[in-house]
Amino acid sequence: MKQGSVVALHRHTGDVHAYNLSGTRQNLRLRSSTELSQPPSRQTRENAVHQATELASRYFTAWQARDEQALSEILAEDVTFRGPLGTANGRTECIAGLMGMLGIVTAIEVEARVADDHDVITWFDLHTTAAAPAPTANWSHVEDGQINRIRVAFDPRGIVGATS
């Protein structure tokens, strides 16, 4: 054997305790092919859903408060936004677009929020100075603790007609 080789001494509960030839102990975790192919645990999934939902809530709070610093922490550098009134690529463009929308937005009334793994859909009424409240769906995708994709759907005819 060469220096650095690992020699298993014993195992229990899936752990292998080993010493390499330099004398340092290593703890190894063996996983079966069945275990590797299993979906994430319920607890892991619930944590992801909770994190995504919390992030979506913080996004709406920061947007309404015009808190660009909070939005820059919530949105990924490469975030993309697609909606009926525009698109944005990157954090800077996205925040500029959100701040621009606040020129006509008077209130955002969240009606419901549903989440599944890393995706959150927020259903809200978009109140503006230009038109009657618009029922709106916002889909946010979360990766690595930040929102990296936003898609918005609503009927923009009232807003577009009033601003043109």
N, C-alpha and C. Protein backbone atom coordinates (compact mmCIF):
# COMPACT_ATOMS: atom_id res chain seq x y z
N MET A 1 0.82 -1.18 0.00
CA MET A 1 0.00 0.00 0.00
C MET A 1 0.87 1.25 0.00
N LYS A 2 0.30 2.29 -0.59
CA LYS A 2 1.01 3.55 -0.64
C LYS A 2 0.53 4.46 0.47
N GLN A 3 1.36 5.41 0.85
CA GLN A 3 0.95 6.38 1.85
C GLN A 3 -0.29 7.11 1.36
N GLY A 4 -1.27 7.31 2.25
CA GLY A 4 -2.52 7.97 1.90
C GLY A 4 -3.64 6.99 1.61
N SER A 5 -3.34 5.67 1.48
CA SER A 5 -4.37 4.68 1.24
C SER A 5 -5.24 4.56 2.48
N VAL A 6 -6.51 4.24 2.28
CA VAL A 6 -7.45 4.13 3.39
C VAL A 6 -7.72 2.66 3.65
N VAL A 7 -7.68 2.29 4.90
CA VAL A 7 -7.96 0.92 5.31
C VAL A 7 -9.15 0.94 6.24
N ALA A 8 -10.24 0.26 5.86
CA ALA A 8 -11.44 0.24 6.70
C ALA A 8 -11.22 -0.67 7.89
N LEU A 9 -11.58 -0.21 9.09
CA LEU A 9 -11.42 -1.02 10.29
C LEU A 9 -12.72 -1.72 10.67
N HIS A 10 -13.82 -1.01 10.68
CA HIS A 10 -15.12 -1.60 10.98
C HIS A 10 -16.22 -0.65 10.54
N ARG A 11 -17.43 -1.17 10.49
CA ARG A 11 -18.53 -0.27 10.14
C ARG A 11 -19.77 -0.63 10.94
N HIS A 12 -20.60 0.40 11.16
CA HIS A 12 -21.91 0.24 11.79
C HIS A 12 -22.76 1.43 11.35
N THR A 13 -23.99 1.23 11.21
CA THR A 13 -24.95 2.26 10.78
C THR A 13 -24.49 3.04 9.56
N GLY A 14 -23.81 2.35 8.64
CA GLY A 14 -23.41 3.00 7.40
C GLY A 14 -22.14 3.79 7.46
N ASP A 15 -21.53 3.96 8.62
CA ASP A 15 -20.29 4.71 8.73
C ASP A 15 -19.11 3.76 8.65
N VAL A 16 -18.09 4.18 7.98
CA VAL A 16 -16.85 3.43 7.93
C VAL A 16 -15.79 4.30 8.58
N HIS A 17 -15.19 3.77 9.63
CA HIS A 17 -14.11 4.47 10.30
C HIS A 17 -12.82 3.92 9.74
N ALA A 18 -11.95 4.79 9.30
CA ALA A 18 -10.72 4.31 8.68
C ALA A 18 -9.55 5.19 9.09
N TYR A 19 -8.40 4.60 9.02
CA TYR A 19 -7.15 5.34 9.23
C TYR A 19 -6.36 5.24 7.94
N ASN A 20 -5.80 6.35 7.50
CA ASN A 20 -4.92 6.23 6.36
C ASN A 20 -3.51 5.92 6.88
N LEU A 21 -2.60 5.64 5.99
CA LEU A 21 -1.27 5.20 6.41
C LEU A 21 -0.47 6.27 7.13
N SER A 22 -0.90 7.53 7.02
CA SER A 22 -0.19 8.57 7.76
C SER A 22 -0.65 8.61 9.21
N GLY A 23 -1.69 7.80 9.54
CA GLY A 23 -2.14 7.69 10.93
C GLY A 23 -3.31 8.58 11.29
N THR A 24 -3.80 9.39 10.35
CA THR A 24 -4.95 10.24 10.67
C THR A 24 -6.24 9.49 10.40
N ARG A 25 -7.26 9.75 11.23
CA ARG A 25 -8.54 9.06 11.11
C ARG A 25 -9.43 9.79 10.12
N GLN A 26 -10.18 9.03 9.34
CA GLN A 26 -11.16 9.58 8.43
C GLN A 26 -12.48 8.88 8.69
N ASN A 27 -13.56 9.65 8.71
CA ASN A 27 -14.90 9.08 8.80
C ASN A 27 -15.52 9.15 7.41
N LEU A 28 -15.93 8.04 6.89
CA LEU A 28 -16.52 7.97 5.57
C LEU A 28 -17.97 7.58 5.68
N ARG A 29 -18.79 8.10 4.83
CA ARG A 29 -20.22 7.77 4.81
C ARG A 29 -20.50 7.03 3.52
N LEU A 30 -20.90 5.76 3.64
CA LEU A 30 -21.25 4.97 2.48
C LEU A 30 -22.74 5.08 2.23
N ARG A 31 -23.10 5.27 0.97
CA ARG A 31 -24.51 5.33 0.62
C ARG A 31 -24.78 4.31 -0.48
N SER A 32 -25.90 3.63 -0.33
CA SER A 32 -26.27 2.63 -1.32
C SER A 32 -26.83 3.31 -2.57
N SER A 33 -26.88 2.57 -3.67
CA SER A 33 -27.44 3.13 -4.90
C SER A 33 -28.91 3.47 -4.71
N THR A 34 -29.62 2.70 -3.88
CA THR A 34 -31.02 3.00 -3.58
C THR A 34 -31.14 4.34 -2.87
N GLU A 35 -30.30 4.56 -1.89
CA GLU A 35 -30.32 5.81 -1.13
C GLU A 35 -30.00 7.00 -2.03
N LEU A 36 -29.05 6.83 -2.95
CA LEU A 36 -28.67 7.91 -3.85
C LEU A 36 -29.78 8.29 -4.81
N SER A 37 -30.65 7.35 -5.15
CA SER A 37 -31.71 7.63 -6.11
C SER A 37 -33.00 8.12 -5.44
N GLN A 38 -33.02 8.19 -4.13
CA GLN A 38 -34.22 8.64 -3.41
C GLN A 38 -34.40 10.15 -3.56
N PRO A 39 -35.66 10.61 -3.64
CA PRO A 39 -35.90 12.05 -3.68
C PRO A 39 -35.54 12.67 -2.33
N PRO A 40 -35.39 14.00 -2.28
CA PRO A 40 -35.06 14.64 -1.01
C PRO A 40 -36.09 14.29 0.06
N SER A 41 -35.65 14.29 1.30
CA SER A 41 -36.55 13.96 2.39
C SER A 41 -37.66 15.00 2.51
N ARG A 42 -38.71 14.63 3.19
CA ARG A 42 -39.82 15.56 3.40
C ARG A 42 -39.35 16.81 4.13
N GLN A 43 -38.47 16.65 5.11
CA GLN A 43 -37.96 17.79 5.87
C GLN A 43 -37.15 18.72 4.96
N THR A 44 -36.31 18.15 4.10
CA THR A 44 -35.52 18.95 3.16
C THR A 44 -36.44 19.73 2.24
N ARG A 45 -37.46 19.06 1.73
CA ARG A 45 -38.41 19.71 0.82
C ARG A 45 -39.17 20.81 1.54
N GLU A 46 -39.63 20.55 2.77
CA GLU A 46 -40.35 21.56 3.54
C GLU A 46 -39.47 22.77 3.81
N ASN A 47 -38.18 22.55 4.08
CA ASN A 47 -37.26 23.67 4.30
C ASN A 47 -37.12 24.51 3.04
N ALA A 48 -37.00 23.86 1.88
CA ALA A 48 -36.88 24.58 0.62
C ALA A 48 -38.14 25.41 0.35
N VAL A 49 -39.30 24.81 0.58
CA VAL A 49 -40.57 25.52 0.38
C VAL A 49 -40.67 26.71 1.31
N HIS A 50 -40.31 26.51 2.58
CA HIS A 50 -40.36 27.61 3.56
C HIS A 50 -39.41 28.73 3.14
N GLN A 51 -38.19 28.39 2.74
CA GLN A 51 -37.22 29.40 2.34
C GLN A 51 -37.72 30.18 1.12
N ALA A 52 -38.25 29.48 0.13
CA ALA A 52 -38.74 30.14 -1.09
C ALA A 52 -39.92 31.05 -0.77
N THR A 53 -40.84 30.59 0.06
CA THR A 53 -42.00 31.39 0.43
C THR A 53 -41.59 32.64 1.20
N GLU A 54 -40.67 32.48 2.13
CA GLU A 54 -40.17 33.61 2.92
C GLU A 54 -39.48 34.63 2.02
N LEU A 55 -38.71 34.15 1.06
CA LEU A 55 -38.02 35.05 0.14
C LEU A 55 -39.01 35.82 -0.73
N ALA A 56 -40.05 35.16 -1.20
CA ALA A 56 -41.08 35.83 -2.01
C ALA A 56 -41.78 36.90 -1.17
N SER A 57 -42.06 36.61 0.07
CA SER A 57 -42.68 37.60 0.96
C SER A 57 -41.77 38.81 1.15
N ARG A 58 -40.49 38.56 1.37
CA ARG A 58 -39.53 39.66 1.53
C ARG A 58 -39.41 40.48 0.25
N TYR A 59 -39.50 39.83 -0.90
CA TYR A 59 -39.45 40.52 -2.20
C TYR A 59 -40.59 41.53 -2.30
N PHE A 60 -41.82 41.10 -2.00
CA PHE A 60 -42.96 42.01 -2.10
C PHE A 60 -42.88 43.14 -1.07
N THR A 61 -42.42 42.82 0.12
CA THR A 61 -42.25 43.85 1.15
C THR A 61 -41.22 44.89 0.72
N ALA A 62 -40.09 44.43 0.22
CA ALA A 62 -39.03 45.34 -0.22
C ALA A 62 -39.48 46.18 -1.41
N TRP A 63 -40.20 45.56 -2.35
CA TRP A 63 -40.68 46.29 -3.52
C TRP A 63 -41.60 47.43 -3.10
N GLN A 64 -42.58 47.11 -2.27
CA GLN A 64 -43.53 48.14 -1.83
C GLN A 64 -42.86 49.24 -1.00
N ALA A 65 -41.81 48.88 -0.28
CA ALA A 65 -41.10 49.85 0.56
C ALA A 65 -40.05 50.63 -0.24
N ARG A 66 -39.91 50.32 -1.53
CA ARG A 66 -38.89 50.95 -2.38
C ARG A 66 -37.48 50.73 -1.82
N ASP A 67 -37.26 49.57 -1.23
CA ASP A 67 -36.00 49.25 -0.59
C ASP A 67 -35.07 48.55 -1.59
N GLU A 68 -34.33 49.36 -2.33
CA GLU A 68 -33.45 48.82 -3.37
C GLU A 68 -32.34 47.95 -2.78
N GLN A 69 -31.86 48.30 -1.60
CA GLN A 69 -30.81 47.50 -0.96
C GLN A 69 -31.32 46.10 -0.63
N ALA A 70 -32.52 46.01 -0.05
CA ALA A 70 -33.10 44.70 0.26
C ALA A 70 -33.34 43.91 -1.02
N LEU A 71 -33.84 44.57 -2.06
CA LEU A 71 -34.07 43.88 -3.33
C LEU A 71 -32.76 43.35 -3.91
N SER A 72 -31.68 44.11 -3.75
CA SER A 72 -30.40 43.65 -4.30
C SER A 72 -29.89 42.41 -3.56
N GLU A 73 -30.30 42.22 -2.32
CA GLU A 73 -29.92 41.02 -1.57
C GLU A 73 -30.83 39.84 -1.91
N ILE A 74 -32.06 40.11 -2.27
CA ILE A 74 -33.06 39.08 -2.57
C ILE A 74 -32.91 38.54 -3.99
N LEU A 75 -32.58 39.42 -4.94
CA LEU A 75 -32.50 39.05 -6.35
C LEU A 75 -31.09 38.60 -6.72
N ALA A 76 -31.02 37.52 -7.47
CA ALA A 76 -29.73 37.03 -7.96
C ALA A 76 -29.16 38.02 -8.98
N GLU A 77 -27.86 38.03 -9.11
CA GLU A 77 -27.20 38.92 -10.07
C GLU A 77 -27.74 38.71 -11.48
N ASP A 78 -28.03 37.45 -11.84
CA ASP A 78 -28.48 37.13 -13.20
C ASP A 78 -30.00 36.92 -13.29
N VAL A 79 -30.76 37.53 -12.39
CA VAL A 79 -32.22 37.39 -12.39
C VAL A 79 -32.79 37.85 -13.73
N THR A 80 -33.85 37.15 -14.16
CA THR A 80 -34.58 37.59 -15.35
C THR A 80 -36.02 37.85 -14.96
N PHE A 81 -36.60 38.86 -15.59
CA PHE A 81 -38.00 39.23 -15.36
C PHE A 81 -38.70 39.27 -16.70
N ARG A 82 -39.88 38.68 -16.76
CA ARG A 82 -40.71 38.73 -17.96
C ARG A 82 -42.14 39.02 -17.51
N GLY A 83 -42.74 40.04 -18.11
CA GLY A 83 -44.12 40.40 -17.79
C GLY A 83 -44.76 41.13 -18.94
N PRO A 84 -46.06 41.42 -18.83
CA PRO A 84 -46.79 42.06 -19.92
C PRO A 84 -46.30 43.47 -20.26
N LEU A 85 -45.69 44.15 -19.31
CA LEU A 85 -45.24 45.52 -19.55
C LEU A 85 -43.74 45.65 -19.78
N GLY A 86 -43.01 44.53 -19.74
CA GLY A 86 -41.59 44.65 -19.99
C GLY A 86 -40.79 43.43 -19.59
N THR A 87 -39.50 43.51 -19.88
CA THR A 87 -38.56 42.47 -19.51
C THR A 87 -37.35 43.12 -18.86
N ALA A 88 -36.62 42.34 -18.10
CA ALA A 88 -35.39 42.82 -17.49
C ALA A 88 -34.42 41.65 -17.39
N ASN A 89 -33.16 41.93 -17.65
CA ASN A 89 -32.10 40.94 -17.54
C ASN A 89 -31.05 41.46 -16.58
N GLY A 90 -30.91 40.78 -15.44
CA GLY A 90 -29.94 41.19 -14.44
C GLY A 90 -30.59 42.00 -13.32
N ARG A 91 -29.91 41.97 -12.19
CA ARG A 91 -30.41 42.62 -10.98
C ARG A 91 -30.67 44.12 -11.17
N THR A 92 -29.73 44.83 -11.77
CA THR A 92 -29.86 46.28 -11.92
C THR A 92 -31.08 46.65 -12.75
N GLU A 93 -31.25 45.98 -13.91
CA GLU A 93 -32.42 46.24 -14.77
C GLU A 93 -33.71 45.88 -14.06
N CYS A 94 -33.71 44.78 -13.34
CA CYS A 94 -34.92 44.32 -12.66
C CYS A 94 -35.34 45.32 -11.59
N ILE A 95 -34.40 45.78 -10.78
CA ILE A 95 -34.73 46.74 -9.73
C ILE A 95 -35.20 48.05 -10.35
N ALA A 96 -34.56 48.49 -11.42
CA ALA A 96 -34.98 49.72 -12.10
C ALA A 96 -36.42 49.59 -12.60
N GLY A 97 -36.75 48.43 -13.17
CA GLY A 97 -38.11 48.20 -13.65
C GLY A 97 -39.13 48.19 -12.52
N LEU A 98 -38.78 47.55 -11.42
CA LEU A 98 -39.68 47.52 -10.26
C LEU A 98 -39.91 48.92 -9.71
N MET A 99 -38.85 49.70 -9.62
CA MET A 99 -38.98 51.07 -9.11
C MET A 99 -39.81 51.91 -10.09
N GLY A 100 -39.63 51.68 -11.38
CA GLY A 100 -40.42 52.40 -12.39
C GLY A 100 -41.90 52.08 -12.28
N MET A 101 -42.23 50.83 -12.03
CA MET A 101 -43.64 50.43 -11.86
C MET A 101 -44.29 51.16 -10.69
N LEU A 102 -43.49 51.44 -9.67
CA LEU A 102 -44.05 52.11 -8.49
C LEU A 102 -44.51 53.53 -8.79
N GLY A 103 -44.17 54.04 -9.98
CA GLY A 103 -44.67 55.34 -10.40
C GLY A 103 -46.18 55.35 -10.59
N ILE A 104 -46.76 54.18 -10.90
CA ILE A 104 -48.22 54.11 -11.06
C ILE A 104 -48.89 53.18 -10.05
N VAL A 105 -48.10 52.36 -9.33
CA VAL A 105 -48.67 51.41 -8.38
C VAL A 105 -49.02 52.13 -7.08
N THR A 106 -50.26 51.95 -6.63
CA THR A 106 -50.68 52.55 -5.36
C THR A 106 -50.75 51.52 -4.24
N ALA A 107 -50.96 50.26 -4.60
CA ALA A 107 -51.02 49.20 -3.58
C ALA A 107 -50.88 47.84 -4.23
N ILE A 108 -50.37 46.91 -3.44
CA ILE A 108 -50.29 45.50 -3.83
C ILE A 108 -50.95 44.73 -2.71
N GLU A 109 -52.07 44.11 -3.01
CA GLU A 109 -52.80 43.33 -2.00
C GLU A 109 -52.64 41.85 -2.30
N VAL A 110 -51.78 41.19 -1.53
CA VAL A 110 -51.54 39.76 -1.73
C VAL A 110 -52.75 38.98 -1.23
N GLU A 111 -53.27 38.15 -2.11
CA GLU A 111 -54.44 37.31 -1.80
C GLU A 111 -54.02 35.91 -1.38
N ALA A 112 -53.01 35.36 -2.04
CA ALA A 112 -52.59 33.99 -1.74
C ALA A 112 -51.16 33.78 -2.22
N ARG A 113 -50.52 32.80 -1.60
CA ARG A 113 -49.17 32.43 -2.00
C ARG A 113 -49.07 30.91 -1.88
N VAL A 114 -48.62 30.26 -2.95
CA VAL A 114 -48.44 28.81 -2.94
C VAL A 114 -47.01 28.51 -3.39
N ALA A 115 -46.46 27.44 -2.84
CA ALA A 115 -45.07 27.11 -3.16
C ALA A 115 -44.91 25.61 -3.32
N ASP A 116 -43.93 25.26 -4.14
CA ASP A 116 -43.56 23.87 -4.36
C ASP A 116 -42.06 23.84 -4.61
N ASP A 117 -41.33 23.27 -3.71
CA ASP A 117 -39.87 23.22 -3.79
C ASP A 117 -39.29 24.62 -3.91
N HIS A 118 -38.79 24.97 -5.09
CA HIS A 118 -38.10 26.25 -5.28
C HIS A 118 -38.94 27.27 -6.04
N ASP A 119 -40.21 27.00 -6.21
CA ASP A 119 -41.09 27.89 -6.97
C ASP A 119 -42.21 28.41 -6.09
N VAL A 120 -42.49 29.72 -6.24
CA VAL A 120 -43.55 30.36 -5.46
C VAL A 120 -44.43 31.15 -6.42
N ILE A 121 -45.73 30.97 -6.30
CA ILE A 121 -46.67 31.80 -7.05
C ILE A 121 -47.43 32.65 -6.05
N THR A 122 -47.37 33.96 -6.28
CA THR A 122 -48.09 34.92 -5.44
C THR A 122 -49.21 35.50 -6.28
N TRP A 123 -50.44 35.38 -5.78
CA TRP A 123 -51.62 35.94 -6.44
C TRP A 123 -51.97 37.22 -5.70
N PHE A 124 -52.03 38.33 -6.45
CA PHE A 124 -52.31 39.61 -5.79
C PHE A 124 -53.10 40.53 -6.71
N ASP A 125 -53.70 41.56 -6.11
CA ASP A 125 -54.37 42.61 -6.85
C ASP A 125 -53.41 43.77 -6.96
N LEU A 126 -53.13 44.17 -8.21
CA LEU A 126 -52.22 45.27 -8.50
C LEU A 126 -53.06 46.53 -8.67
N HIS A 127 -52.98 47.42 -7.69
CA HIS A 127 -53.72 48.69 -7.73
C HIS A 127 -52.82 49.75 -8.33
N THR A 128 -53.35 50.48 -9.31
CA THR A 128 -52.57 51.54 -9.96
C THR A 128 -53.40 52.81 -10.09
N THR A 129 -52.71 53.89 -10.42
CA THR A 129 -53.40 55.16 -10.68
C THR A 129 -54.02 55.15 -12.07
N ALA A 130 -53.65 54.17 -12.89
CA ALA A 130 -54.06 54.14 -14.29
C ALA A 130 -55.31 53.32 -14.58
N ALA A 131 -55.65 52.37 -13.72
CA ALA A 131 -56.74 51.45 -14.05
C ALA A 131 -57.28 50.80 -12.77
N ALA A 132 -58.37 50.07 -12.97
CA ALA A 132 -58.94 49.29 -11.86
C ALA A 132 -57.92 48.23 -11.44
N PRO A 133 -58.02 47.71 -10.22
CA PRO A 133 -57.08 46.68 -9.76
C PRO A 133 -57.00 45.51 -10.75
N ALA A 134 -55.79 45.07 -11.01
CA ALA A 134 -55.56 43.97 -11.95
C ALA A 134 -55.17 42.72 -11.18
N PRO A 135 -56.00 41.66 -11.26
CA PRO A 135 -55.58 40.38 -10.66
C PRO A 135 -54.28 39.92 -11.33
N THR A 136 -53.30 39.57 -10.52
CA THR A 136 -51.96 39.32 -11.04
C THR A 136 -51.36 38.06 -10.42
N ALA A 137 -50.65 37.31 -11.24
CA ALA A 137 -49.88 36.15 -10.76
C ALA A 137 -48.40 36.44 -10.96
N ASN A 138 -47.62 36.21 -9.93
CA ASN A 138 -46.17 36.38 -9.97
C ASN A 138 -45.55 35.04 -9.62
N TRP A 139 -44.78 34.50 -10.57
CA TRP A 139 -44.06 33.24 -10.33
C TRP A 139 -42.60 33.58 -10.09
N SER A 140 -42.08 33.21 -8.95
CA SER A 140 -40.67 33.42 -8.60
C SER A 140 -40.00 32.07 -8.44
N HIS A 141 -38.82 31.95 -9.01
CA HIS A 141 -38.02 30.73 -8.86
C HIS A 141 -36.80 31.06 -8.01
N VAL A 142 -36.55 30.24 -7.00
CA VAL A 142 -35.46 30.49 -6.05
C VAL A 142 -34.37 29.44 -6.22
N GLU A 143 -33.13 29.91 -6.30
CA GLU A 143 -31.96 29.03 -6.31
C GLU A 143 -30.88 29.68 -5.46
N ASP A 144 -30.22 28.88 -4.66
CA ASP A 144 -29.11 29.35 -3.83
C ASP A 144 -29.49 30.55 -2.97
N GLY A 145 -30.72 30.54 -2.45
CA GLY A 145 -31.16 31.57 -1.52
C GLY A 145 -31.52 32.90 -2.13
N GLN A 146 -31.65 32.97 -3.46
CA GLN A 146 -32.04 34.21 -4.12
C GLN A 146 -33.05 33.90 -5.23
N ILE A 147 -33.85 34.91 -5.57
CA ILE A 147 -34.78 34.78 -6.69
C ILE A 147 -33.99 35.00 -7.97
N ASN A 148 -34.07 34.02 -8.88
CA ASN A 148 -33.32 34.16 -10.12
C ASN A 148 -34.20 34.23 -11.36
N ARG A 149 -35.51 34.06 -11.18
CA ARG A 149 -36.42 34.14 -12.32
C ARG A 149 -37.79 34.61 -11.82
N ILE A 150 -38.34 35.63 -12.49
CA ILE A 150 -39.66 36.16 -12.15
C ILE A 150 -40.48 36.23 -13.43
N ARG A 151 -41.67 35.69 -13.36
CA ARG A 151 -42.62 35.77 -14.47
C ARG A 151 -43.92 36.32 -13.91
N VAL A 152 -44.48 37.31 -14.59
CA VAL A 152 -45.70 37.96 -14.12
C VAL A 152 -46.75 37.88 -15.22
N ALA A 153 -48.00 37.60 -14.82
CA ALA A 153 -49.10 37.55 -15.78
C ALA A 153 -50.28 38.34 -15.24
N PHE A 154 -50.79 39.24 -16.07
CA PHE A 154 -52.03 39.97 -15.78
C PHE A 154 -52.51 40.59 -17.08
N ASP A 155 -53.74 41.05 -17.10
CA ASP A 155 -54.30 41.69 -18.28
C ASP A 155 -53.90 43.17 -18.23
N PRO A 156 -53.00 43.61 -19.12
CA PRO A 156 -52.47 44.97 -19.04
C PRO A 156 -53.33 46.01 -19.79
N ARG A 157 -54.43 45.60 -20.39
CA ARG A 157 -55.18 46.52 -21.26
C ARG A 157 -55.60 47.80 -20.54
N GLY A 158 -56.05 47.69 -19.30
CA GLY A 158 -56.47 48.89 -18.57
C GLY A 158 -55.33 49.86 -18.35
N ILE A 159 -54.17 49.33 -17.98
CA ILE A 159 -52.99 50.17 -17.72
C ILE A 159 -52.46 50.77 -19.02
N VAL A 160 -52.33 49.94 -20.05
CA VAL A 160 -51.80 50.41 -21.33
C VAL A 160 -52.73 51.44 -21.95
N GLY A 161 -54.02 51.20 -21.89
CA GLY A 161 -54.99 52.15 -22.45
C GLY A 161 -54.98 53.50 -21.75
N ALA A 162 -54.77 53.49 -20.45
CA ALA A 162 -54.78 54.72 -19.67
C ALA A 162 -53.48 55.51 -19.81
N THR A 163 -52.37 54.82 -20.10
CA THR A 163 -51.09 55.51 -20.17
C THR A 163 -50.67 55.87 -21.58
N SER A 164 -51.46 55.46 -22.60
CA SER A 164 -51.06 55.77 -23.97
C SER A 164 -51.79 56.97 -24.52
